[in-house]
Amino acid sequence: MNTLLGRRTRVLAATTATVGLVLVAGCSSSDGGGSGTKTAAGGVELVKAGQLTTCTHLPYPPFQSEIDGKVQGFDVSLIDLVAKNLGVKQEILDTPFENFKTGAFLNSGQCDVAAAGMTITEERKKNVDFSDPYFEATQAVLVDKKSGITSLTDVKSKGVKLGAQAQTTGEDYVRKQGFDPVSFESSDAVLNGLRSGQVKAVVIDFPVVQGWLKDKANADAFKVVDNLNTGEQYGFTVKKGNTELLAAINKAITEAKADGTYKTLYEKWIGPYDVSAASPSAS
């Protein structure tokens, strides 16, 4: 597994993925987060003037990945809404996923917000503050169609190799079920492990699998044989005590659901709108 020093971070400009939304690049120096101040609209203090700096971990489609040289996805689009309301632009910092458990880059002042298709857990709440949940996620078991595997139970009974993304709740779940999974650094590496035969089955968030299976080559080769309802909800995180930014994030989520923007983005990035997944109850 990577350490924070073991993987160079990258700064990438986010592209506005919302339909019909123009991303505001800056505003007045007095209250809008322009080049002369780190205070954005609503009194939100930012780590860098004129921008909302987002920590993420790439790739994790459909939530965030590089497409045509720009970082795009569902999470990116939602945080674009926050940035627009603050009168700034979003910039993305690609960091190791284990950072999200500790909140290291938030606490060190390198990022304002973390957005990485991240499950809300009590352990993570000790280190960071979560937004309201914005997505209900389940885990999927994806297998090679030629494997003969029909369920997660089948994976265990046949003793075949199972893969999962390192440092994720999916990996935690299968370990608790008695598996010793092969750990992969990213979601793309998980799929490549399945494709190359390193593993015969993988457990990973269902929306990610949905994105993979949009590709005909993947759909021809792989299939979902189990869907595990683990009660997971995604949230964005900020440094503990950053109540102004947390309120701005929650406001953007609430407004997007009310005015239809959330539904538009959901259908663009994830697939047919699922009300139960889109509207998790606050924990």
C-alpha atoms as a PDB file:
ATOM      1  CA  MET A   1       0.000   0.000   0.000  1.00  0.00           C
ATOM      2  CA  ASN A   2       1.173   3.516  -0.729  1.00  0.00           C
ATOM      3  CA  THR A   3       2.254   6.034   1.852  1.00  0.00           C
ATOM      4  CA  LEU A   4       1.714   9.753   1.529  1.00  0.00           C
ATOM      5  CA  LEU A   5       5.344  10.123   0.499  1.00  0.00           C
ATOM      6  CA  GLY A   6       5.294   7.157  -1.828  1.00  0.00           C
ATOM      7  CA  ARG A   7       3.160   8.734  -4.529  1.00  0.00           C
ATOM      8  CA  ARG A   8       3.618  12.159  -6.051  1.00  0.00           C
ATOM      9  CA  THR A   9       0.520  14.298  -5.952  1.00  0.00           C
ATOM     10  CA  ARG A  10      -0.758  16.035  -9.039  1.00  0.00           C
ATOM     11  CA  VAL A  11      -2.716  19.240  -9.433  1.00  0.00           C
ATOM     12  CA  LEU A  12      -5.339  19.138 -12.156  1.00  0.00           C
ATOM     13  CA  ALA A  13      -7.849  21.701 -13.302  1.00  0.00           C
ATOM     14  CA  ALA A  14     -11.411  20.519 -12.999  1.00  0.00           C
ATOM     15  CA  THR A  15     -13.750  20.960 -15.910  1.00  0.00           C
ATOM     16  CA  THR A  16     -17.300  22.111 -15.311  1.00  0.00           C
ATOM     17  CA  ALA A  17     -19.447  19.059 -15.956  1.00  0.00           C
ATOM     18  CA  THR A  18     -22.822  20.535 -15.100  1.00  0.00           C
ATOM     19  CA  VAL A  19     -25.161  21.067 -18.004  1.00  0.00           C
ATOM     20  CA  GLY A  20     -25.638  24.768 -18.700  1.00  0.00           C
ATOM     21  CA  LEU A  21     -23.508  25.859 -15.745  1.00  0.00           C
ATOM     22  CA  VAL A  22     -20.750  28.415 -16.206  1.00  0.00           C
ATOM     23  CA  LEU A  23     -17.931  28.055 -13.677  1.00  0.00           C
ATOM     24  CA  VAL A  24     -17.040  31.409 -12.146  1.00  0.00           C
ATOM     25  CA  ALA A  25     -13.276  31.927 -12.174  1.00  0.00           C
ATOM     26  CA  GLY A  26     -13.088  34.739  -9.662  1.00  0.00           C
ATOM     27  CA  CYS A  27     -14.788  37.716  -8.049  1.00  0.00           C
ATOM     28  CA  SER A  28     -14.136  40.886  -6.122  1.00  0.00           C
ATOM     29  CA  SER A  29     -11.153  41.119  -3.800  1.00  0.00           C
ATOM     30  CA  SER A  30     -13.332  42.199  -0.903  1.00  0.00           C
ATOM     31  CA  ASP A  31     -15.612  39.208  -0.470  1.00  0.00           C
ATOM     32  CA  GLY A  32     -15.443  36.788  -3.361  1.00  0.00           C
ATOM     33  CA  GLY A  33     -12.162  34.909  -3.165  1.00  0.00           C
ATOM     34  CA  GLY A  34     -10.280  36.889  -5.808  1.00  0.00           C
ATOM     35  CA  SER A  35      -6.502  36.893  -6.075  1.00  0.00           C
ATOM     36  CA  GLY A  36      -6.118  39.269  -3.118  1.00  0.00           C
ATOM     37  CA  THR A  37      -7.979  37.330  -0.437  1.00  0.00           C
ATOM     38  CA  LYS A  38      -8.547  33.802   0.805  1.00  0.00           C
ATOM     39  CA  THR A  39     -12.063  34.654   1.986  1.00  0.00           C
ATOM     40  CA  ALA A  40     -14.789  33.584  -0.424  1.00  0.00           C
ATOM     41  CA  ALA A  41     -18.511  34.354  -0.445  1.00  0.00           C
ATOM     42  CA  GLY A  42     -20.236  33.575   2.841  1.00  0.00           C
ATOM     43  CA  GLY A  43     -17.064  34.083   4.861  1.00  0.00           C
ATOM     44  CA  VAL A  44     -15.572  30.749   3.781  1.00  0.00           C
ATOM     45  CA  GLU A  45     -11.805  30.689   4.304  1.00  0.00           C
ATOM     46  CA  LEU A  46      -9.879  28.921   1.524  1.00  0.00           C
ATOM     47  CA  VAL A  47      -6.352  27.539   1.493  1.00  0.00           C
ATOM     48  CA  LYS A  48      -5.611  29.422  -1.759  1.00  0.00           C
ATOM     49  CA  ALA A  49      -7.156  32.658  -2.916  1.00  0.00           C
ATOM     50  CA  GLY A  50      -9.595  32.423  -5.814  1.00  0.00           C
ATOM     51  CA  GLN A  51      -9.950  28.650  -5.809  1.00  0.00           C
ATOM     52  CA  LEU A  52     -11.601  25.768  -4.000  1.00  0.00           C
ATOM     53  CA  THR A  53      -8.875  23.130  -3.696  1.00  0.00           C
ATOM     54  CA  THR A  54     -10.240  19.587  -3.804  1.00  0.00           C
ATOM     55  CA  CYS A  55      -8.359  16.445  -2.793  1.00  0.00           C
ATOM     56  CA  THR A  56      -9.346  13.332  -4.723  1.00  0.00           C
ATOM     57  CA  HIS A  57      -7.894  10.021  -5.842  1.00  0.00           C
ATOM     58  CA  LEU A  58      -7.805   9.209  -9.541  1.00  0.00           C
ATOM     59  CA  PRO A  59      -9.176   7.377 -11.324  1.00  0.00           C
ATOM     60  CA  TYR A  60     -12.565   6.538  -9.824  1.00  0.00           C
ATOM     61  CA  PRO A  61     -15.141   6.791 -12.591  1.00  0.00           C
ATOM     62  CA  PRO A  62     -17.935   7.811 -12.731  1.00  0.00           C
ATOM     63  CA  PHE A  63     -17.145  10.050  -9.741  1.00  0.00           C
ATOM     64  CA  GLN A  64     -13.818  11.438 -10.920  1.00  0.00           C
ATOM     65  CA  SER A  65     -11.421  10.564 -13.722  1.00  0.00           C
ATOM     66  CA  GLU A  66      -9.414  12.242 -16.450  1.00  0.00           C
ATOM     67  CA  ILE A  67     -11.364  12.549 -19.684  1.00  0.00           C
ATOM     68  CA  ASP A  68      -9.801  14.363 -22.635  1.00  0.00           C
ATOM     69  CA  GLY A  69      -7.121  15.748 -20.342  1.00  0.00           C
ATOM     70  CA  LYS A  70      -9.551  17.165 -17.778  1.00  0.00           C
ATOM     71  CA  VAL A  71     -10.842  15.794 -14.493  1.00  0.00           C
ATOM     72  CA  GLN A  72     -14.565  15.126 -14.788  1.00  0.00           C
ATOM     73  CA  GLY A  73     -17.262  13.139 -13.038  1.00  0.00           C
ATOM     74  CA  PHE A  74     -20.201  13.202 -10.657  1.00  0.00           C
ATOM     75  CA  ASP A  75     -18.249  14.379  -7.596  1.00  0.00           C
ATOM     76  CA  VAL A  76     -16.419  16.979  -9.667  1.00  0.00           C
ATOM     77  CA  SER A  77     -19.719  18.372 -10.930  1.00  0.00           C
ATOM     78  CA  LEU A  78     -21.221  18.618  -7.438  1.00  0.00           C
ATOM     79  CA  ILE A  79     -18.168  20.413  -6.049  1.00  0.00           C
ATOM     80  CA  ASP A  80     -18.281  22.729  -9.093  1.00  0.00           C
ATOM     81  CA  LEU A  81     -21.657  23.862  -7.733  1.00  0.00           C
ATOM     82  CA  VAL A  82     -20.053  24.687  -4.375  1.00  0.00           C
ATOM     83  CA  ALA A  83     -17.254  26.607  -6.099  1.00  0.00           C
ATOM     84  CA  LYS A  84     -19.764  28.559  -8.197  1.00  0.00           C
ATOM     85  CA  ASN A  85     -21.680  29.595  -5.081  1.00  0.00           C
ATOM     86  CA  LEU A  86     -18.418  30.727  -3.459  1.00  0.00           C
ATOM     87  CA  GLY A  87     -17.460  32.722  -6.550  1.00  0.00           C
ATOM     88  CA  VAL A  88     -14.268  30.787  -7.224  1.00  0.00           C
ATOM     89  CA  LYS A  89     -12.996  27.973  -9.452  1.00  0.00           C
ATOM     90  CA  GLN A  90     -12.302  24.387  -8.448  1.00  0.00           C
ATOM     91  CA  GLU A  91      -8.771  22.962  -8.625  1.00  0.00           C
ATOM     92  CA  ILE A  92      -8.124  19.269  -8.001  1.00  0.00           C
ATOM     93  CA  LEU A  93      -5.200  17.663  -6.204  1.00  0.00           C
ATOM     94  CA  ASP A  94      -4.729  13.937  -6.879  1.00  0.00           C
ATOM     95  CA  THR A  95      -3.586  12.219  -3.668  1.00  0.00           C
ATOM     96  CA  PRO A  96      -3.244   8.674  -2.251  1.00  0.00           C
ATOM     97  CA  PHE A  97      -6.544   7.246  -1.035  1.00  0.00           C
ATOM     98  CA  GLU A  98      -5.274   6.445   2.466  1.00  0.00           C
ATOM     99  CA  ASN A  99      -5.086  10.216   2.983  1.00  0.00           C
ATOM    100  CA  PHE A 100      -8.876  10.321   3.167  1.00  0.00           C
ATOM    101  CA  LYS A 101      -9.036   8.222   6.312  1.00  0.00           C
ATOM    102  CA  THR A 102      -6.720  10.549   8.208  1.00  0.00           C
ATOM    103  CA  GLY A 103      -7.688  13.865   6.647  1.00  0.00           C
ATOM    104  CA  ALA A 104      -3.951  14.593   6.344  1.00  0.00           C
ATOM    105  CA  PHE A 105      -4.120  16.985   3.397  1.00  0.00           C
ATOM    106  CA  LEU A 106      -7.113  18.807   4.867  1.00  0.00           C
ATOM    107  CA  ASN A 107      -5.439  19.213   8.248  1.00  0.00           C
ATOM    108  CA  SER A 108      -2.149  20.354   6.718  1.00  0.00           C
ATOM    109  CA  GLY A 109      -3.916  23.074   4.722  1.00  0.00           C
ATOM    110  CA  GLN A 110      -3.242  21.661   1.272  1.00  0.00           C
ATOM    111  CA  CYS A 111      -6.917  21.112   0.418  1.00  0.00           C
ATOM    112  CA  ASP A 112     -10.243  22.667   1.367  1.00  0.00           C
ATOM    113  CA  VAL A 113     -12.429  19.650   0.653  1.00  0.00           C
ATOM    114  CA  ALA A 114     -12.003  15.952  -0.112  1.00  0.00           C
ATOM    115  CA  ALA A 115     -14.240  14.377  -2.757  1.00  0.00           C
ATOM    116  CA  ALA A 116     -13.509  10.791  -3.713  1.00  0.00           C
ATOM    117  CA  GLY A 117     -16.670   8.682  -3.672  1.00  0.00           C
ATOM    118  CA  MET A 118     -15.948   8.289   0.036  1.00  0.00           C
ATOM    119  CA  THR A 119     -18.077   6.281   2.439  1.00  0.00           C
ATOM    120  CA  ILE A 120     -19.067   7.940   5.714  1.00  0.00           C
ATOM    121  CA  THR A 121     -17.714   5.869   8.616  1.00  0.00           C
ATOM    122  CA  GLU A 122     -17.375   6.428  12.342  1.00  0.00           C
ATOM    123  CA  GLU A 123     -13.622   5.875  12.091  1.00  0.00           C
ATOM    124  CA  ARG A 124     -13.223   8.606   9.475  1.00  0.00           C
ATOM    125  CA  LYS A 125     -15.479  10.975  11.436  1.00  0.00           C
ATOM    126  CA  LYS A 126     -12.800  11.044  14.145  1.00  0.00           C
ATOM    127  CA  ASN A 127     -10.460  12.859  11.759  1.00  0.00           C
ATOM    128  CA  VAL A 128     -12.695  14.908   9.439  1.00  0.00           C
ATOM    129  CA  ASP A 129     -16.167  16.448   9.253  1.00  0.00           C
ATOM    130  CA  PHE A 130     -18.541  14.948   6.676  1.00  0.00           C
ATOM    131  CA  SER A 131     -21.158  16.691   4.600  1.00  0.00           C
ATOM    132  CA  ASP A 132     -24.705  15.430   4.443  1.00  0.00           C
ATOM    133  CA  PRO A 133     -24.759  12.092   2.563  1.00  0.00           C
ATOM    134  CA  TYR A 134     -25.213  12.641  -1.155  1.00  0.00           C
ATOM    135  CA  PHE A 135     -25.216   9.080  -2.496  1.00  0.00           C
ATOM    136  CA  GLU A 136     -26.283   5.607  -1.327  1.00  0.00           C
ATOM    137  CA  ALA A 137     -23.777   2.987  -2.470  1.00  0.00           C
ATOM    138  CA  THR A 138     -23.787  -0.796  -2.584  1.00  0.00           C
ATOM    139  CA  GLN A 139     -20.937  -3.195  -3.328  1.00  0.00           C
ATOM    140  CA  ALA A 140     -20.972  -5.355  -6.452  1.00  0.00           C
ATOM    141  CA  VAL A 141     -19.282  -8.683  -7.115  1.00  0.00           C
ATOM    142  CA  LEU A 142     -17.976  -8.637 -10.680  1.00  0.00           C
ATOM    143  CA  VAL A 143     -16.615 -11.788 -12.312  1.00  0.00           C
ATOM    144  CA  ASP A 144     -15.333 -13.070 -15.621  1.00  0.00           C
ATOM    145  CA  LYS A 145     -18.259 -14.609 -17.490  1.00  0.00           C
ATOM    146  CA  LYS A 146     -16.190 -17.749 -18.084  1.00  0.00           C
ATOM    147  CA  SER A 147     -15.392 -18.236 -14.396  1.00  0.00           C
ATOM    148  CA  GLY A 148     -18.541 -20.143 -13.461  1.00  0.00           C
ATOM    149  CA  ILE A 149     -18.822 -18.047 -10.280  1.00  0.00           C
ATOM    150  CA  THR A 150     -22.378 -17.153  -9.272  1.00  0.00           C
ATOM    151  CA  SER A 151     -22.031 -15.283  -5.948  1.00  0.00           C
ATOM    152  CA  LEU A 152     -19.633 -14.083  -3.263  1.00  0.00           C
ATOM    153  CA  THR A 153     -20.307 -17.352  -1.409  1.00  0.00           C
ATOM    154  CA  ASP A 154     -19.267 -19.177  -4.551  1.00  0.00           C
ATOM    155  CA  VAL A 155     -15.991 -17.229  -4.606  1.00  0.00           C
ATOM    156  CA  LYS A 156     -15.194 -18.555  -1.137  1.00  0.00           C
ATOM    157  CA  SER A 157     -16.310 -22.147  -1.727  1.00  0.00           C
ATOM    158  CA  LYS A 158     -14.259 -22.412  -4.916  1.00  0.00           C
ATOM    159  CA  GLY A 159     -11.236 -20.777  -3.327  1.00  0.00           C
ATOM    160  CA  VAL A 160     -10.599 -18.394  -6.219  1.00  0.00           C
ATOM    161  CA  LYS A 161      -8.672 -15.150  -5.886  1.00  0.00           C
ATOM    162  CA  LEU A 162     -10.766 -12.103  -5.013  1.00  0.00           C
ATOM    163  CA  GLY A 163      -9.670  -8.510  -5.625  1.00  0.00           C
ATOM    164  CA  ALA A 164     -10.615  -5.176  -4.029  1.00  0.00           C
ATOM    165  CA  GLN A 165      -9.347  -1.603  -3.930  1.00  0.00           C
ATOM    166  CA  ALA A 166      -6.970  -0.994  -1.047  1.00  0.00           C
ATOM    167  CA  GLN A 167      -8.073   1.120   1.916  1.00  0.00           C
ATOM    168  CA  THR A 168     -11.749   0.985   0.915  1.00  0.00           C
ATOM    169  CA  THR A 169     -14.870  -0.185   2.687  1.00  0.00           C
ATOM    170  CA  GLY A 170     -15.244  -2.893   0.048  1.00  0.00           C
ATOM    171  CA  GLU A 171     -11.902  -4.344   1.081  1.00  0.00           C
ATOM    172  CA  ASP A 172     -12.857  -4.037   4.744  1.00  0.00           C
ATOM    173  CA  TYR A 173     -16.154  -5.827   4.096  1.00  0.00           C
ATOM    174  CA  VAL A 174     -14.658  -8.871   2.393  1.00  0.00           C
ATOM    175  CA  ARG A 175     -11.936  -9.183   5.033  1.00  0.00           C
ATOM    176  CA  LYS A 176     -14.682  -9.354   7.662  1.00  0.00           C
ATOM    177  CA  GLN A 177     -16.268 -12.122   5.604  1.00  0.00           C
ATOM    178  CA  GLY A 178     -13.083 -14.168   5.923  1.00  0.00           C
ATOM    179  CA  PHE A 179     -11.447 -13.338   2.597  1.00  0.00           C
ATOM    180  CA  ASP A 180      -7.809 -12.372   2.041  1.00  0.00           C
ATOM    181  CA  PRO A 181      -8.261 -10.185  -1.030  1.00  0.00           C
ATOM    182  CA  VAL A 182      -5.609  -9.058  -3.476  1.00  0.00           C
ATOM    183  CA  SER A 183      -5.349  -5.294  -2.912  1.00  0.00           C
ATOM    184  CA  PHE A 184      -5.137  -2.905  -5.853  1.00  0.00           C
ATOM    185  CA  GLU A 185      -4.248   0.782  -5.639  1.00  0.00           C
ATOM    186  CA  SER A 186      -7.067   2.169  -7.787  1.00  0.00           C
ATOM    187  CA  SER A 187     -10.382   1.170  -9.322  1.00  0.00           C
ATOM    188  CA  ASP A 188      -8.742   0.942 -12.757  1.00  0.00           C
ATOM    189  CA  ALA A 189      -6.132  -1.415 -11.304  1.00  0.00           C
ATOM    190  CA  VAL A 190      -8.952  -3.568  -9.870  1.00  0.00           C
ATOM    191  CA  LEU A 191     -10.502  -3.934 -13.313  1.00  0.00           C
ATOM    192  CA  ASN A 192      -7.128  -4.612 -14.924  1.00  0.00           C
ATOM    193  CA  GLY A 193      -6.480  -7.312 -12.326  1.00  0.00           C
ATOM    194  CA  LEU A 194      -9.717  -9.007 -13.333  1.00  0.00           C
ATOM    195  CA  ARG A 195      -9.031  -8.538 -17.032  1.00  0.00           C
ATOM    196  CA  SER A 196      -5.510  -9.962 -16.794  1.00  0.00           C
ATOM    197  CA  GLY A 197      -6.574 -12.963 -14.701  1.00  0.00           C
ATOM    198  CA  GLN A 198      -4.733 -11.940 -11.528  1.00  0.00           C
ATOM    199  CA  VAL A 199      -8.090 -12.404  -9.803  1.00  0.00           C
ATOM    200  CA  LYS A 200     -11.290 -14.151 -10.871  1.00  0.00           C
ATOM    201  CA  ALA A 201     -13.696 -11.851  -9.023  1.00  0.00           C
ATOM    202  CA  VAL A 202     -13.658  -8.350  -7.534  1.00  0.00           C
ATOM    203  CA  VAL A 203     -15.729  -6.463  -4.987  1.00  0.00           C
ATOM    204  CA  ILE A 204     -16.076  -2.740  -5.570  1.00  0.00           C
ATOM    205  CA  ASP A 205     -18.723  -0.008  -5.414  1.00  0.00           C
ATOM    206  CA  PHE A 206     -21.636  -0.771  -7.736  1.00  0.00           C
ATOM    207  CA  PRO A 207     -21.695   2.682  -9.439  1.00  0.00           C
ATOM    208  CA  VAL A 208     -18.100   2.088 -10.531  1.00  0.00           C
ATOM    209  CA  VAL A 209     -19.105  -1.271 -12.007  1.00  0.00           C
ATOM    210  CA  GLN A 210     -22.023   0.406 -13.776  1.00  0.00           C
ATOM    211  CA  GLY A 211     -19.541   2.755 -15.412  1.00  0.00           C
ATOM    212  CA  TRP A 212     -17.302  -0.119 -16.510  1.00  0.00           C
ATOM    213  CA  LEU A 213     -20.168  -2.080 -18.025  1.00  0.00           C
ATOM    214  CA  LYS A 214     -21.156   0.834 -20.250  1.00  0.00           C
ATOM    215  CA  ASP A 215     -18.158  -0.263 -22.327  1.00  0.00           C
ATOM    216  CA  LYS A 216     -19.276  -3.090 -24.642  1.00  0.00           C
ATOM    217  CA  ALA A 217     -15.958  -4.934 -24.349  1.00  0.00           C
ATOM    218  CA  ASN A 218     -16.318  -5.029 -20.568  1.00  0.00           C
ATOM    219  CA  ALA A 219     -19.980  -6.006 -20.736  1.00  0.00           C
ATOM    220  CA  ASP A 220     -19.120  -8.860 -23.096  1.00  0.00           C
ATOM    221  CA  ALA A 221     -16.418 -10.194 -20.764  1.00  0.00           C
ATOM    222  CA  PHE A 222     -17.726  -9.558 -17.239  1.00  0.00           C
ATOM    223  CA  LYS A 223     -20.966  -9.701 -15.276  1.00  0.00           C
ATOM    224  CA  VAL A 224     -22.324  -8.784 -11.837  1.00  0.00           C
ATOM    225  CA  VAL A 225     -23.267 -11.902  -9.848  1.00  0.00           C
ATOM    226  CA  ASP A 226     -23.960 -10.353  -6.440  1.00  0.00           C
ATOM    227  CA  ASN A 227     -25.011  -6.988  -5.054  1.00  0.00           C
ATOM    228  CA  LEU A 228     -24.104  -6.422  -1.418  1.00  0.00           C
ATOM    229  CA  ASN A 229     -26.163  -3.869   0.488  1.00  0.00           C
ATOM    230  CA  THR A 230     -23.635  -2.726   3.062  1.00  0.00           C
ATOM    231  CA  GLY A 231     -25.527   0.416   4.098  1.00  0.00           C
ATOM    232  CA  GLU A 232     -22.881   2.770   2.735  1.00  0.00           C
ATOM    233  CA  GLN A 233     -23.405   6.470   2.121  1.00  0.00           C
ATOM    234  CA  TYR A 234     -20.993   8.832   0.388  1.00  0.00           C
ATOM    235  CA  GLY A 235     -20.061  12.212   1.801  1.00  0.00           C
ATOM    236  CA  PHE A 236     -17.595  15.025   1.138  1.00  0.00           C
ATOM    237  CA  THR A 237     -15.185  15.982   3.920  1.00  0.00           C
ATOM    238  CA  VAL A 238     -13.601  19.135   5.300  1.00  0.00           C
ATOM    239  CA  LYS A 239     -11.158  19.850   8.090  1.00  0.00           C
ATOM    240  CA  LYS A 240     -12.751  19.423  11.506  1.00  0.00           C
ATOM    241  CA  GLY A 241     -14.414  22.625  12.614  1.00  0.00           C
ATOM    242  CA  ASN A 242     -14.702  24.182   9.153  1.00  0.00           C
ATOM    243  CA  THR A 243     -18.389  24.869   9.626  1.00  0.00           C
ATOM    244  CA  GLU A 244     -18.668  27.619   6.989  1.00  0.00           C
ATOM    245  CA  LEU A 245     -17.433  25.429   4.138  1.00  0.00           C
ATOM    246  CA  LEU A 246     -19.443  22.446   5.372  1.00  0.00           C
ATOM    247  CA  ALA A 247     -22.592  24.587   5.324  1.00  0.00           C
ATOM    248  CA  ALA A 248     -21.785  25.744   1.786  1.00  0.00           C
ATOM    249  CA  ILE A 249     -21.390  22.144   0.603  1.00  0.00           C
ATOM    250  CA  ASN A 250     -24.637  21.023   2.227  1.00  0.00           C
ATOM    251  CA  LYS A 251     -26.448  24.015   0.738  1.00  0.00           C
ATOM    252  CA  ALA A 252     -25.220  23.156  -2.763  1.00  0.00           C
ATOM    253  CA  ILE A 253     -26.306  19.514  -2.407  1.00  0.00           C
ATOM    254  CA  THR A 254     -29.755  20.508  -1.124  1.00  0.00           C
ATOM    255  CA  GLU A 255     -30.301  23.087  -3.872  1.00  0.00           C
ATOM    256  CA  ALA A 256     -29.119  20.699  -6.608  1.00  0.00           C
ATOM    257  CA  LYS A 257     -31.638  18.096  -5.509  1.00  0.00           C
ATOM    258  CA  ALA A 258     -34.410  20.677  -5.300  1.00  0.00           C
ATOM    259  CA  ASP A 259     -33.880  22.286  -8.710  1.00  0.00           C
ATOM    260  CA  GLY A 260     -33.212  19.138 -10.730  1.00  0.00           C
ATOM    261  CA  THR A 261     -29.479  19.680 -11.272  1.00  0.00           C
ATOM    262  CA  TYR A 262     -28.622  16.626  -9.177  1.00  0.00           C
ATOM    263  CA  LYS A 263     -30.877  14.404 -11.306  1.00  0.00           C
ATOM    264  CA  THR A 264     -29.324  15.764 -14.505  1.00  0.00           C
ATOM    265  CA  LEU A 265     -25.809  15.064 -13.247  1.00  0.00           C
ATOM    266  CA  TYR A 266     -26.794  11.623 -11.957  1.00  0.00           C
ATOM    267  CA  GLU A 267     -28.143  10.617 -15.367  1.00  0.00           C
ATOM    268  CA  LYS A 268     -25.098  12.082 -17.128  1.00  0.00           C
ATOM    269  CA  TRP A 269     -22.467  10.324 -15.049  1.00  0.00           C
ATOM    270  CA  ILE A 270     -24.060   7.283 -13.394  1.00  0.00           C
ATOM    271  CA  GLY A 271     -27.096   6.124 -15.359  1.00  0.00           C
ATOM    272  CA  PRO A 272     -30.875   5.911 -14.955  1.00  0.00           C
ATOM    273  CA  TYR A 273     -31.947   7.978 -11.953  1.00  0.00           C
ATOM    274  CA  ASP A 274     -32.350   5.923  -8.780  1.00  0.00           C
ATOM    275  CA  VAL A 275     -34.210   7.888  -6.125  1.00  0.00           C
ATOM    276  CA  SER A 276     -33.176   5.563  -3.300  1.00  0.00           C
ATOM    277  CA  ALA A 277     -29.487   5.907  -4.170  1.00  0.00           C
ATOM    278  CA  ALA A 278     -29.733   9.622  -4.791  1.00  0.00           C
ATOM    279  CA  SER A 279     -31.566  10.548  -1.586  1.00  0.00           C
ATOM    280  CA  PRO A 280     -29.984   8.793   1.385  1.00  0.00           C
ATOM    281  CA  SER A 281     -31.236   9.837   4.788  1.00  0.00           C
ATOM    282  CA  ALA A 282     -28.819  11.799   6.907  1.00  0.00           C
ATOM    283  CA  SER A 283     -27.031   9.602   9.425  1.00  0.00           C
END
